[in-house]
Amino acid sequence: MKKKHISLIALLIVIKSLAFANTNSLIADTLVHGKVLSDTDGKPVNAHGPGVMYHQGVYYLFGEIKNGKTWLVPGQNWEDYRVPAGGISCYSSVDLKHWKYRGVALKPTVNDPGSDLDTGRVIERPKVIYNERTKKFVMWMHIDKNDYNYSRGGVAISDSPVGPYRYLGSVKPNDQMLRDMTLYKDDDGKAYLVYSSEDNNTMHVCLLSDDYLKPTKTYSRIFENQKRESPAIFKNEGKYYLITSGCTGWSPNAASYAVADKVTGPWTQQGNPCKGLNAEVTFFSQGAFVLPVIDKPGRFIFMGDVWNKTDLERSTYLWLPLHVNNGKIEIYNP
């Protein structure tokens, strides 16, 4: 019995090790930190501040298109580097390794300063979810002007995951600022906007309408006076986890995560999820999204941007396995 017991433990250790190795292999061929991620045509993937939607066996990656010369917006009290707003790109993959370019999902406008989508504006951090009731794909994003005082959430819809998406307009949820944001669809079909607000001093979690097109009056204020941004939320074993970064412009800083029993909170801060060398600067990245790996419960991918602030077009990505062990998030840079 003792030998059988030891053998069973050894077998379980091997199985667990293989599970971790298989998760790592999902992204091992996709990206090495600091290297350019290429699509199936050999061209650089241009999808920053990304979000991923899984639909009918396919992963769809959406992100900001950053092309053109970087300039520093004058008169700001932080390093407000910008490029022309290029709209939102879309890529698809069935294995998280090979990404096919599917085109511009949401096109910008040109020489129309009054438009939210003008190339002179800010179009950031797109996230897309599917609404089973309306049969529409819904995209939310941060819409702003170069000085970041506009601070609104923009929404667009499409009949197809790859677009084109039709822009419906922008809003300040409950008359509050919306800056860095993410979009979360829960198991019950309800959807929430999570975003930096109140001049980035506090985050809000706002329930969306049933069609996902409008914010409701149901919202909570979290991380009050903590100056957090770039939210990335996921759920594991009934608990909600929210990773954020500090507010240091384009320069990296220490990530922090919080845990809650409900999306709306209360949230309890747990510290830095990153472990090892350069953990204090999130391995020189800023988080944008946490992707659950389909059919692998408890396995996630932490997706971040490695910003090149003086040449934003040359920014790269950091995708790493994220593990939840005994309720604690661990992200290692191998």
Protein backbone atom coordinates (compact mmCIF):
# COMPACT_ATOMS: atom_id res chain seq x y z
CA MET A 1 0.00 0.00 0.00
CA LYS A 2 2.79 2.40 0.88
CA LYS A 3 4.53 1.87 -2.47
CA LYS A 4 1.25 2.33 -4.32
CA HIS A 5 0.59 5.52 -2.34
CA ILE A 6 4.02 6.93 -3.23
CA SER A 7 3.56 5.94 -6.87
CA LEU A 8 0.20 7.71 -6.98
CA ILE A 9 1.71 10.89 -5.53
CA ALA A 10 4.53 10.72 -8.06
CA LEU A 11 2.03 10.26 -10.87
CA LEU A 12 0.00 13.27 -9.69
CA ILE A 13 3.16 15.39 -9.58
CA VAL A 14 4.02 14.36 -13.14
CA ILE A 15 0.47 15.15 -14.34
CA LYS A 16 0.55 18.55 -12.65
CA SER A 17 3.96 19.30 -14.16
CA LEU A 18 2.73 18.33 -17.61
CA ALA A 19 -0.31 20.57 -17.21
CA PHE A 20 1.91 23.53 -16.41
CA ALA A 21 4.24 22.65 -19.28
CA ASN A 22 1.34 22.39 -21.72
CA THR A 23 0.04 25.81 -20.65
CA ASN A 24 3.48 27.31 -21.08
CA SER A 25 3.83 25.71 -24.51
CA LEU A 26 0.68 27.49 -25.66
CA ILE A 27 2.61 30.74 -25.63
CA ALA A 28 6.21 29.56 -25.89
CA ASP A 29 6.11 29.75 -29.68
CA THR A 30 3.97 32.89 -29.66
CA LEU A 31 6.23 35.37 -27.98
CA VAL A 32 9.56 35.96 -26.31
CA HIS A 33 9.70 39.06 -24.14
CA GLY A 34 11.02 42.00 -26.14
CA LYS A 35 10.64 40.34 -29.53
CA VAL A 36 8.14 41.30 -32.23
CA LEU A 37 5.05 39.10 -32.49
CA SER A 38 4.34 38.28 -36.13
CA ASP A 39 1.10 37.24 -37.81
CA THR A 40 0.72 34.37 -40.29
CA ASP A 41 1.81 36.70 -43.11
CA GLY A 42 5.06 37.49 -41.31
CA LYS A 43 4.02 41.05 -40.47
CA PRO A 44 4.21 42.51 -36.95
CA VAL A 45 1.03 42.17 -34.94
CA ASN A 46 -0.29 45.66 -34.23
CA ALA A 47 -2.76 45.23 -31.36
CA HIS A 48 -1.80 47.18 -28.25
CA GLY A 49 -3.78 47.50 -25.03
CA PRO A 50 -5.32 44.22 -26.17
CA GLY A 51 -8.39 42.21 -25.36
CA VAL A 52 -9.27 38.66 -26.48
CA MET A 53 -12.69 37.13 -27.07
CA TYR A 54 -13.23 33.39 -27.51
CA HIS A 55 -16.16 32.53 -29.78
CA GLN A 56 -17.09 29.20 -31.39
CA GLY A 57 -13.62 27.68 -31.20
CA VAL A 58 -11.68 30.77 -32.23
CA TYR A 59 -9.73 33.37 -30.24
CA TYR A 60 -10.14 36.93 -31.52
CA LEU A 61 -7.49 39.47 -30.55
CA PHE A 62 -8.35 43.19 -30.65
CA GLY A 63 -5.97 46.05 -30.03
CA GLU A 64 -4.92 49.61 -30.72
CA ILE A 65 -3.20 50.24 -34.04
CA LYS A 66 -0.09 52.32 -33.43
CA ASN A 67 1.51 53.66 -36.57
CA GLY A 68 3.31 56.88 -37.36
CA LYS A 69 5.59 59.29 -35.58
CA THR A 70 5.43 59.63 -31.81
CA TRP A 71 5.19 63.12 -30.36
CA LEU A 72 5.03 64.59 -26.86
CA VAL A 73 1.84 66.51 -26.10
CA PRO A 74 2.89 69.93 -24.77
CA GLY A 75 1.69 71.43 -21.52
CA GLN A 76 1.14 68.16 -19.63
CA ASN A 77 2.54 67.28 -16.19
CA TRP A 78 3.40 63.76 -17.35
CA GLU A 79 5.10 62.16 -20.35
CA ASP A 80 2.05 62.29 -22.62
CA TYR A 81 3.44 60.59 -25.74
CA ARG A 82 1.02 59.97 -28.60
CA VAL A 83 0.75 58.65 -32.14
CA PRO A 84 -2.18 59.20 -34.52
CA ALA A 85 -5.16 57.07 -33.52
CA GLY A 86 -5.14 54.20 -35.99
CA GLY A 87 -8.37 52.46 -35.04
CA ILE A 88 -8.79 48.90 -33.77
CA SER A 89 -7.23 45.82 -35.36
CA CYS A 90 -8.45 42.22 -35.25
CA TYR A 91 -6.52 38.93 -35.42
CA SER A 92 -7.77 35.37 -35.02
CA SER A 93 -6.22 32.10 -33.84
CA VAL A 94 -7.32 28.60 -32.95
CA ASP A 95 -4.17 27.70 -31.01
CA LEU A 96 -2.88 30.97 -29.47
CA LYS A 97 0.29 30.57 -31.52
CA HIS A 98 -0.62 31.46 -35.09
CA TRP A 99 -2.47 34.76 -35.51
CA LYS A 100 -4.19 35.64 -38.77
CA TYR A 101 -4.76 39.30 -39.55
CA ARG A 102 -8.47 39.93 -40.07
CA GLY A 103 -8.29 43.64 -40.85
CA VAL A 104 -9.27 46.90 -39.17
CA ALA A 105 -12.31 46.10 -37.03
CA LEU A 106 -13.04 49.76 -36.26
CA LYS A 107 -11.70 52.37 -38.65
CA PRO A 108 -10.67 55.88 -37.59
CA THR A 109 -11.81 59.04 -39.35
CA VAL A 110 -9.47 61.58 -40.88
CA ASN A 111 -9.64 65.39 -40.72
CA ASP A 112 -12.77 65.37 -38.59
CA PRO A 113 -11.71 66.93 -35.25
CA GLY A 114 -15.24 66.69 -33.85
CA SER A 115 -15.36 62.91 -34.24
CA ASP A 116 -14.47 60.55 -31.39
CA LEU A 117 -12.67 58.39 -33.94
CA ASP A 118 -10.56 61.10 -35.57
CA THR A 119 -6.88 60.27 -35.89
CA GLY A 120 -6.16 63.27 -33.66
CA ARG A 121 -8.05 61.66 -30.76
CA VAL A 122 -7.24 58.77 -28.42
CA ILE A 123 -8.74 55.30 -29.03
CA GLU A 124 -7.48 52.85 -26.42
CA ARG A 125 -7.86 49.44 -24.74
CA PRO A 126 -10.63 47.86 -26.86
CA LYS A 127 -12.49 44.89 -25.43
CA VAL A 128 -15.19 42.81 -27.17
CA ILE A 129 -17.89 40.47 -25.82
CA TYR A 130 -20.81 38.67 -27.45
CA ASN A 131 -24.42 39.25 -26.47
CA GLU A 132 -26.47 36.07 -26.87
CA ARG A 133 -29.76 37.96 -26.62
CA THR A 134 -29.12 40.51 -29.36
CA LYS A 135 -26.70 38.35 -31.39
CA LYS A 136 -24.34 41.33 -31.53
CA PHE A 137 -20.63 41.62 -30.84
CA VAL A 138 -20.12 44.63 -28.57
CA MET A 139 -16.88 46.60 -28.33
CA TRP A 140 -16.09 49.12 -25.61
CA MET A 141 -12.99 51.33 -25.58
CA HIS A 142 -11.49 54.39 -23.93
CA ILE A 143 -12.10 57.53 -26.03
CA ASP A 144 -10.19 60.69 -25.23
CA LYS A 145 -8.43 63.82 -26.42
CA ASN A 146 -4.69 64.29 -26.18
CA ASP A 147 -4.89 66.03 -22.80
CA TYR A 148 -7.05 63.19 -21.38
CA ASN A 149 -9.78 65.53 -20.15
CA TYR A 150 -12.49 64.09 -22.42
CA SER A 151 -12.36 60.71 -20.60
CA ARG A 152 -15.26 58.76 -22.11
CA GLY A 153 -16.22 55.21 -22.97
CA GLY A 154 -16.98 54.50 -26.61
CA VAL A 155 -19.17 51.62 -27.81
CA ALA A 156 -19.50 49.90 -31.20
CA ILE A 157 -21.37 46.84 -32.48
CA SER A 158 -21.04 44.29 -35.25
CA ASP A 159 -22.80 41.20 -36.60
CA SER A 160 -19.41 39.52 -37.07
CA PRO A 161 -16.58 39.06 -34.57
CA VAL A 162 -14.04 40.50 -37.03
CA GLY A 163 -16.18 43.52 -37.90
CA PRO A 164 -16.59 46.00 -39.33
CA TYR A 165 -17.88 47.55 -36.11
CA ARG A 166 -20.35 50.43 -36.24
CA TYR A 167 -19.58 53.17 -33.76
CA LEU A 168 -22.57 54.26 -31.65
CA GLY A 169 -20.98 57.07 -29.63
CA SER A 170 -19.40 57.68 -26.25
CA VAL A 171 -20.55 58.32 -22.70
CA LYS A 172 -19.32 59.27 -19.24
CA PRO A 173 -20.86 56.54 -17.07
CA ASN A 174 -22.91 58.20 -14.34
CA ASP A 175 -21.26 61.50 -15.33
CA GLN A 176 -17.88 60.18 -14.22
CA MET A 177 -14.56 60.00 -16.08
CA LEU A 178 -13.67 56.79 -17.89
CA ARG A 179 -10.01 56.25 -18.75
CA ASP A 180 -8.08 52.94 -18.72
CA MET A 181 -10.76 50.26 -18.87
CA THR A 182 -11.66 46.66 -19.37
CA LEU A 183 -14.88 44.80 -20.10
CA TYR A 184 -15.99 41.71 -18.22
CA LYS A 185 -18.81 39.27 -18.98
CA ASP A 186 -19.76 37.08 -16.04
CA ASP A 187 -21.08 33.52 -16.05
CA ASP A 188 -24.66 34.76 -15.66
CA GLY A 189 -24.43 36.85 -18.83
CA LYS A 190 -24.21 40.18 -17.06
CA ALA A 191 -21.48 42.53 -18.29
CA TYR A 192 -19.46 45.16 -16.46
CA LEU A 193 -17.16 48.05 -17.29
CA VAL A 194 -14.15 48.37 -14.99
CA TYR A 195 -12.32 51.67 -15.41
CA SER A 196 -10.10 54.32 -13.87
CA SER A 197 -12.12 57.35 -12.89
CA GLU A 198 -12.00 60.55 -10.83
CA ASP A 199 -8.69 61.66 -12.39
CA ASN A 200 -7.38 58.09 -11.93
CA ASN A 201 -7.75 58.35 -8.15
CA THR A 202 -10.47 55.70 -7.93
CA MET A 203 -11.75 52.83 -10.06
CA HIS A 204 -15.39 52.14 -10.86
CA VAL A 205 -17.17 48.86 -11.62
CA CYS A 206 -20.34 49.60 -13.57
CA LEU A 207 -23.06 47.15 -14.59
CA LEU A 208 -24.08 47.45 -18.24
CA SER A 209 -27.60 47.26 -19.65
CA ASP A 210 -28.86 43.89 -20.88
CA ASP A 211 -27.81 44.76 -24.46
CA TYR A 212 -24.33 45.80 -23.17
CA LEU A 213 -24.66 49.18 -24.92
CA LYS A 214 -25.24 51.51 -21.96
CA PRO A 215 -23.96 51.91 -18.41
CA THR A 216 -26.57 51.54 -15.68
CA LYS A 217 -26.87 53.41 -12.40
CA THR A 218 -25.55 50.33 -10.60
CA TYR A 219 -21.85 50.86 -9.92
CA SER A 220 -19.31 50.74 -7.11
CA ARG A 221 -16.22 52.79 -6.31
CA ILE A 222 -13.16 50.67 -5.55
CA PHE A 223 -9.48 51.34 -4.78
CA GLU A 224 -10.36 54.82 -3.52
CA ASN A 225 -7.40 57.25 -3.63
CA GLN A 226 -5.05 54.46 -4.71
CA LYS A 227 -4.17 55.79 -8.20
CA ARG A 228 -4.56 52.55 -10.17
CA GLU A 229 -5.09 51.98 -13.91
CA SER A 230 -4.93 49.33 -16.69
CA PRO A 231 -7.41 46.90 -15.07
CA ALA A 232 -7.41 43.22 -16.08
CA ILE A 233 -10.06 41.00 -14.50
CA PHE A 234 -10.74 37.25 -14.43
CA LYS A 235 -12.56 34.63 -12.36
CA ASN A 236 -11.26 31.41 -10.86
CA GLU A 237 -13.05 28.94 -8.59
CA GLY A 238 -15.75 31.44 -7.68
CA LYS A 239 -13.35 34.28 -6.84
CA TYR A 240 -12.77 37.42 -8.90
CA TYR A 241 -9.24 38.70 -9.45
CA LEU A 242 -8.32 42.18 -10.66
CA ILE A 243 -4.77 43.13 -11.69
CA THR A 244 -3.91 46.83 -12.03
CA SER A 245 -0.87 49.02 -12.52
CA GLY A 246 0.21 52.25 -10.88
CA CYS A 247 -0.06 55.59 -12.68
CA THR A 248 3.41 56.39 -14.04
CA GLY A 249 2.56 57.30 -17.64
CA TRP A 250 4.34 55.10 -20.17
CA SER A 251 6.98 53.96 -17.65
CA PRO A 252 6.57 50.54 -16.00
CA ASN A 253 5.78 50.08 -12.32
CA ALA A 254 4.73 47.35 -9.91
CA ALA A 255 1.47 45.58 -10.64
CA SER A 256 -0.94 44.84 -7.84
CA TYR A 257 -3.91 42.51 -7.60
CA ALA A 258 -7.05 42.30 -5.52
CA VAL A 259 -9.59 39.56 -4.78
CA ALA A 260 -13.37 39.72 -4.32
CA ASP A 261 -16.39 37.46 -3.93
CA LYS A 262 -18.44 39.75 -6.19
CA VAL A 263 -17.48 41.79 -9.24
CA THR A 264 -18.70 44.95 -7.55
CA GLY A 265 -16.61 44.23 -4.47
CA PRO A 266 -15.54 44.75 -1.82
CA TRP A 267 -12.04 44.10 -3.15
CA THR A 268 -9.08 43.18 -0.97
CA GLN A 269 -5.60 44.14 -2.18
CA GLN A 270 -3.06 41.30 -2.16
CA GLY A 271 0.15 42.86 -3.46
CA ASN A 272 2.32 42.26 -6.50
CA PRO A 273 1.50 39.08 -8.47
CA CYS A 274 4.83 39.15 -10.33
CA LYS A 275 7.67 37.07 -8.95
CA GLY A 276 11.40 37.11 -9.64
CA LEU A 277 13.79 39.44 -11.42
CA ASN A 278 12.24 42.78 -12.45
CA ALA A 279 8.94 41.94 -10.76
CA GLU A 280 8.91 45.47 -9.32
CA VAL A 281 8.40 46.85 -12.86
CA THR A 282 6.09 44.04 -14.08
CA PHE A 283 8.98 42.74 -16.22
CA PHE A 284 9.03 46.16 -17.96
CA SER A 285 5.43 45.80 -19.11
CA GLN A 286 1.96 47.08 -18.26
CA GLY A 287 -0.89 44.60 -17.97
CA ALA A 288 -3.88 44.84 -20.30
CA PHE A 289 -5.81 41.54 -20.15
CA VAL A 290 -5.94 38.11 -18.54
CA LEU A 291 -7.02 35.37 -20.95
CA PRO A 292 -8.54 32.14 -19.61
CA VAL A 293 -7.22 29.20 -21.63
CA ILE A 294 -10.24 27.32 -22.92
CA ASP A 295 -10.62 23.71 -21.70
CA LYS A 296 -7.78 24.20 -19.21
CA PRO A 297 -9.42 25.23 -15.93
CA GLY A 298 -7.18 27.34 -13.73
CA ARG A 299 -4.82 28.23 -16.59
CA PHE A 300 -4.52 31.83 -17.73
CA ILE A 301 -2.31 34.06 -19.84
CA PHE A 302 -1.26 37.48 -18.56
CA MET A 303 -1.12 39.86 -21.53
CA GLY A 304 0.82 43.10 -21.27
CA ASP A 305 2.40 45.82 -23.38
CA VAL A 306 6.11 46.61 -23.37
CA TRP A 307 5.81 50.30 -24.22
CA ASN A 308 8.47 52.10 -26.22
CA LYS A 309 7.27 55.51 -25.12
CA THR A 310 9.35 57.60 -27.52
CA ASP A 311 8.54 55.35 -30.48
CA LEU A 312 5.17 53.79 -29.70
CA GLU A 313 4.95 52.04 -33.07
CA ARG A 314 7.86 49.86 -31.96
CA SER A 315 6.23 48.77 -28.69
CA THR A 316 6.10 45.01 -28.16
CA TYR A 317 4.24 42.58 -25.90
CA LEU A 318 4.65 40.35 -22.89
CA TRP A 319 2.44 37.26 -22.61
CA LEU A 320 3.15 34.99 -19.66
CA PRO A 321 1.47 32.03 -17.94
CA LEU A 322 -0.50 33.12 -14.88
CA HIS A 323 -1.17 30.61 -12.13
CA VAL A 324 -3.52 30.79 -9.15
CA ASN A 325 -2.14 28.75 -6.27
CA ASN A 326 -4.18 28.60 -3.07
CA GLY A 327 -5.93 31.82 -4.04
CA LYS A 328 -2.69 33.64 -4.79
CA ILE A 329 -1.71 34.89 -8.25
CA GLU A 330 1.80 34.06 -9.45
CA ILE A 331 3.33 35.40 -12.68
CA TYR A 332 6.91 34.43 -13.49
CA ASN A 333 9.06 35.67 -16.36
CA PRO A 334 11.06 32.58 -17.42
